[in-house]
Amino acid sequence: MKSSRGWIPFSKKEFKKDYHSVTFIIDKDLKNKTLLAHPNVNTMTVSMEYSDLIKYIEYHHNKYYEI
């Protein structure tokens, strides 16, 4: 059974590269701050500036909303 997006649920098949479905909702109080995150596991921490996060989101043609 395929989904409407062309992939099989729970399979290892990659998503279509031209499909951008991520929308970020970001607290506006985070502007001008350094952000910390644990990617995949919590044994390492990644830091980035708020402006770099916005550049990354826009580079991948995703949407974001500041609230």
Protein backbone atom coordinates (compact mmCIF):
# COMPACT_ATOMS: atom_id res chain seq x y z
CA MET A 1 0.00 0.00 0.00
CA LYS A 2 1.43 3.40 -1.00
CA SER A 3 0.59 6.72 0.54
CA SER A 4 -0.57 9.71 -1.47
CA ARG A 5 3.06 10.93 -1.44
CA GLY A 6 4.30 7.85 -3.29
CA TRP A 7 6.09 6.01 -0.46
CA ILE A 8 5.22 2.88 1.43
CA PRO A 9 4.47 3.47 5.14
CA PHE A 10 7.05 1.94 7.53
CA SER A 11 9.44 1.11 4.69
CA LYS A 12 13.08 2.13 4.39
CA LYS A 13 12.44 3.87 1.08
CA GLU A 14 13.66 7.46 1.03
CA PHE A 15 11.24 10.34 0.77
CA LYS A 16 11.04 12.17 -2.52
CA LYS A 17 13.75 14.81 -2.52
CA ASP A 18 11.44 17.45 -3.97
CA TYR A 19 8.84 17.09 -1.21
CA HIS A 20 9.21 19.66 1.57
CA SER A 21 6.83 19.04 4.42
CA VAL A 22 8.57 20.48 7.46
CA THR A 23 7.10 23.58 9.07
CA PHE A 24 8.87 25.09 12.06
CA ILE A 25 7.17 27.12 14.78
CA ILE A 26 9.81 29.13 16.60
CA ASP A 27 9.53 31.27 19.71
CA LYS A 28 10.46 34.84 18.75
CA ASP A 29 12.22 35.25 22.11
CA LEU A 30 14.99 33.01 20.71
CA LYS A 31 16.15 35.69 18.26
CA ASN A 32 19.77 36.75 18.77
CA LYS A 33 20.41 33.69 20.94
CA THR A 34 22.57 30.62 20.61
CA LEU A 35 20.46 27.47 20.27
CA LEU A 36 21.49 24.06 21.61
CA ALA A 37 20.11 20.73 20.39
CA HIS A 38 20.73 17.01 20.75
CA PRO A 39 20.62 15.48 17.25
CA ASN A 40 19.34 11.87 17.35
CA VAL A 41 21.00 11.01 20.70
CA ASN A 42 21.71 13.05 23.80
CA THR A 43 25.43 12.25 24.06
CA MET A 44 26.45 15.26 21.98
CA THR A 45 25.17 18.82 21.69
CA VAL A 46 25.07 21.00 18.58
CA SER A 47 25.01 24.77 18.93
CA MET A 48 24.00 27.30 16.30
CA GLU A 49 22.97 30.90 16.14
CA TYR A 50 19.30 31.67 15.58
CA SER A 51 20.13 33.36 12.27
CA ASP A 52 21.93 30.22 11.07
CA LEU A 53 18.87 28.11 11.87
CA ILE A 54 16.72 30.44 9.75
CA LYS A 55 19.24 30.24 6.89
CA TYR A 56 19.19 26.43 7.12
CA ILE A 57 15.38 26.30 7.06
CA GLU A 58 15.20 28.65 4.08
CA TYR A 59 17.98 26.82 2.22
CA HIS A 60 15.86 23.66 2.34
CA HIS A 61 12.75 25.57 1.21
CA ASN A 62 10.84 24.84 4.39
CA LYS A 63 8.43 27.17 6.15
CA TYR A 64 8.73 28.71 9.58
CA TYR A 65 6.56 30.90 11.77
CA GLU A 66 7.74 33.05 14.64
CA ILE A 67 5.29 33.30 17.51
